Amino acid sequence: MIRTQAQLTEEQMAALKEIAAERRVSVAELIRRGVDAVIASREGPGLGERRRRALAVVGAFSDPATDVAREHDHYFAEAIDRGPRTSGA
């Protein structure tokens, strides 16, 4: 384990001590459980996984239009005029 320090308010520490006594665990154990809960609740994949997914699709798609860099405004306007596409049609 790695030792660390954190500053808590007096109210936070009092509440933690009370909960720890009720559950018969240490304050440190409560904090570790809290950290685990925060880690588990993180939404979506982490940065490394997002980067891996992005790199996996590089070059996977093609488009016959080769002038998108110059004509992006034109293509954007066309897309707006067409409206949203519906899937499954």
C-alpha atoms as a PDB file:
ATOM      1  CA  MET A   1       0.000   0.000   0.000  1.00  0.00           C
ATOM      2  CA  ILE A   2       1.031   3.588  -0.526  1.00  0.00           C
ATOM      3  CA  ARG A   3       0.798   6.033   2.326  1.00  0.00           C
ATOM      4  CA  THR A   4      -0.781   9.394   1.473  1.00  0.00           C
ATOM      5  CA  GLN A   5      -2.137  12.439   3.224  1.00  0.00           C
ATOM      6  CA  ALA A   6      -5.395  14.272   2.683  1.00  0.00           C
ATOM      7  CA  GLN A   7      -6.903  17.225   4.467  1.00  0.00           C
ATOM      8  CA  LEU A   8     -10.487  16.847   5.621  1.00  0.00           C
ATOM      9  CA  THR A   9     -12.791  19.225   7.383  1.00  0.00           C
ATOM     10  CA  GLU A  10     -13.568  18.581  11.030  1.00  0.00           C
ATOM     11  CA  GLU A  11     -17.104  17.641  10.028  1.00  0.00           C
ATOM     12  CA  GLN A  12     -15.885  15.138   7.437  1.00  0.00           C
ATOM     13  CA  MET A  13     -13.529  13.475   9.911  1.00  0.00           C
ATOM     14  CA  ALA A  14     -16.186  13.317  12.621  1.00  0.00           C
ATOM     15  CA  ALA A  15     -18.623  11.697  10.208  1.00  0.00           C
ATOM     16  CA  LEU A  16     -16.009   9.229   8.984  1.00  0.00           C
ATOM     17  CA  LYS A  17     -15.103   8.225  12.525  1.00  0.00           C
ATOM     18  CA  GLU A  18     -18.755   7.670  13.347  1.00  0.00           C
ATOM     19  CA  ILE A  19     -19.360   5.560  10.247  1.00  0.00           C
ATOM     20  CA  ALA A  20     -16.138   3.621  10.820  1.00  0.00           C
ATOM     21  CA  ALA A  21     -17.210   2.794  14.371  1.00  0.00           C
ATOM     22  CA  GLU A  22     -20.671   1.692  13.193  1.00  0.00           C
ATOM     23  CA  ARG A  23     -19.170  -0.561  10.521  1.00  0.00           C
ATOM     24  CA  ARG A  24     -16.281  -1.696  12.707  1.00  0.00           C
ATOM     25  CA  VAL A  25     -13.627  -0.736  10.164  1.00  0.00           C
ATOM     26  CA  SER A  26     -10.881   1.871  10.186  1.00  0.00           C
ATOM     27  CA  VAL A  27     -11.235   5.352   8.757  1.00  0.00           C
ATOM     28  CA  ALA A  28      -8.480   4.387   6.284  1.00  0.00           C
ATOM     29  CA  GLU A  29     -10.590   1.435   5.107  1.00  0.00           C
ATOM     30  CA  LEU A  30     -13.588   3.712   4.582  1.00  0.00           C
ATOM     31  CA  ILE A  31     -11.446   6.080   2.535  1.00  0.00           C
ATOM     32  CA  ARG A  32     -10.090   3.194   0.419  1.00  0.00           C
ATOM     33  CA  ARG A  33     -13.663   2.015  -0.213  1.00  0.00           C
ATOM     34  CA  GLY A  34     -14.656   5.544  -1.172  1.00  0.00           C
ATOM     35  CA  VAL A  35     -11.762   5.785  -3.609  1.00  0.00           C
ATOM     36  CA  ASP A  36     -12.743   2.406  -5.098  1.00  0.00           C
ATOM     37  CA  ALA A  37     -16.319   3.651  -5.545  1.00  0.00           C
ATOM     38  CA  VAL A  38     -15.141   6.778  -7.359  1.00  0.00           C
ATOM     39  CA  ILE A  39     -12.897   4.718  -9.642  1.00  0.00           C
ATOM     40  CA  ALA A  40     -15.716   2.246 -10.393  1.00  0.00           C
ATOM     41  CA  SER A  41     -18.170   5.037 -11.184  1.00  0.00           C
ATOM     42  CA  ARG A  42     -15.935   6.648 -13.775  1.00  0.00           C
ATOM     43  CA  GLU A  43     -17.908   6.895 -16.982  1.00  0.00           C
ATOM     44  CA  GLY A  44     -16.554   5.352 -20.143  1.00  0.00           C
ATOM     45  CA  PRO A  45     -13.104   4.125 -21.027  1.00  0.00           C
ATOM     46  CA  GLY A  46      -9.961   5.880 -19.870  1.00  0.00           C
ATOM     47  CA  LEU A  47      -7.672   7.986 -22.026  1.00  0.00           C
ATOM     48  CA  GLY A  48      -5.495   5.042 -23.040  1.00  0.00           C
ATOM     49  CA  GLU A  49      -8.469   3.002 -24.218  1.00  0.00           C
ATOM     50  CA  ARG A  50      -9.965   5.970 -26.109  1.00  0.00           C
ATOM     51  CA  ARG A  51      -6.624   6.548 -27.827  1.00  0.00           C
ATOM     52  CA  ARG A  52      -6.348   2.850 -28.757  1.00  0.00           C
ATOM     53  CA  ARG A  53      -9.889   2.889 -30.223  1.00  0.00           C
ATOM     54  CA  ALA A  54      -9.199   6.049 -32.212  1.00  0.00           C
ATOM     55  CA  LEU A  55      -5.994   4.637 -33.681  1.00  0.00           C
ATOM     56  CA  ALA A  56      -7.774   1.395 -34.562  1.00  0.00           C
ATOM     57  CA  VAL A  57     -10.093   3.190 -37.000  1.00  0.00           C
ATOM     58  CA  VAL A  58      -7.479   5.384 -38.668  1.00  0.00           C
ATOM     59  CA  GLY A  59      -7.673   4.635 -42.378  1.00  0.00           C
ATOM     60  CA  ALA A  60     -10.670   2.326 -41.983  1.00  0.00           C
ATOM     61  CA  PHE A  61     -13.014   4.604 -43.913  1.00  0.00           C
ATOM     62  CA  SER A  62     -12.760   6.097 -47.367  1.00  0.00           C
ATOM     63  CA  ASP A  63     -14.633   8.738 -49.293  1.00  0.00           C
ATOM     64  CA  PRO A  64     -14.474   9.473 -53.020  1.00  0.00           C
ATOM     65  CA  ALA A  65     -14.312  13.199 -52.289  1.00  0.00           C
ATOM     66  CA  THR A  66     -10.660  14.254 -52.335  1.00  0.00           C
ATOM     67  CA  ASP A  67     -11.204  17.985 -51.962  1.00  0.00           C
ATOM     68  CA  VAL A  68     -12.813  18.057 -48.520  1.00  0.00           C
ATOM     69  CA  ALA A  69     -10.065  20.250 -47.044  1.00  0.00           C
ATOM     70  CA  ARG A  70     -10.704  22.947 -49.682  1.00  0.00           C
ATOM     71  CA  GLU A  71     -14.454  22.512 -50.076  1.00  0.00           C
ATOM     72  CA  HIS A  72     -15.549  21.726 -46.507  1.00  0.00           C
ATOM     73  CA  ASP A  73     -18.019  24.638 -46.441  1.00  0.00           C
ATOM     74  CA  HIS A  74     -19.694  23.319 -49.595  1.00  0.00           C
ATOM     75  CA  TYR A  75     -20.006  19.787 -48.205  1.00  0.00           C
ATOM     76  CA  PHE A  76     -21.265  21.093 -44.876  1.00  0.00           C
ATOM     77  CA  ALA A  77     -23.944  23.198 -46.606  1.00  0.00           C
ATOM     78  CA  GLU A  78     -25.041  20.174 -48.638  1.00  0.00           C
ATOM     79  CA  ALA A  79     -25.353  18.099 -45.490  1.00  0.00           C
ATOM     80  CA  ILE A  80     -27.442  20.796 -43.812  1.00  0.00           C
ATOM     81  CA  ASP A  81     -29.728  21.072 -46.846  1.00  0.00           C
ATOM     82  CA  ARG A  82     -30.217  17.280 -46.896  1.00  0.00           C
ATOM     83  CA  GLY A  83     -31.256  17.232 -43.253  1.00  0.00           C
ATOM     84  CA  PRO A  84     -30.701  14.407 -40.809  1.00  0.00           C
ATOM     85  CA  ARG A  85     -30.350  10.916 -42.174  1.00  0.00           C
ATOM     86  CA  THR A  86     -32.495   8.189 -40.671  1.00  0.00           C
ATOM     87  CA  SER A  87     -31.010   4.762 -40.097  1.00  0.00           C
ATOM     88  CA  GLY A  88     -32.600   1.577 -41.326  1.00  0.00           C
ATOM     89  CA  ALA A  89     -34.081   3.095 -44.476  1.00  0.00           C
END
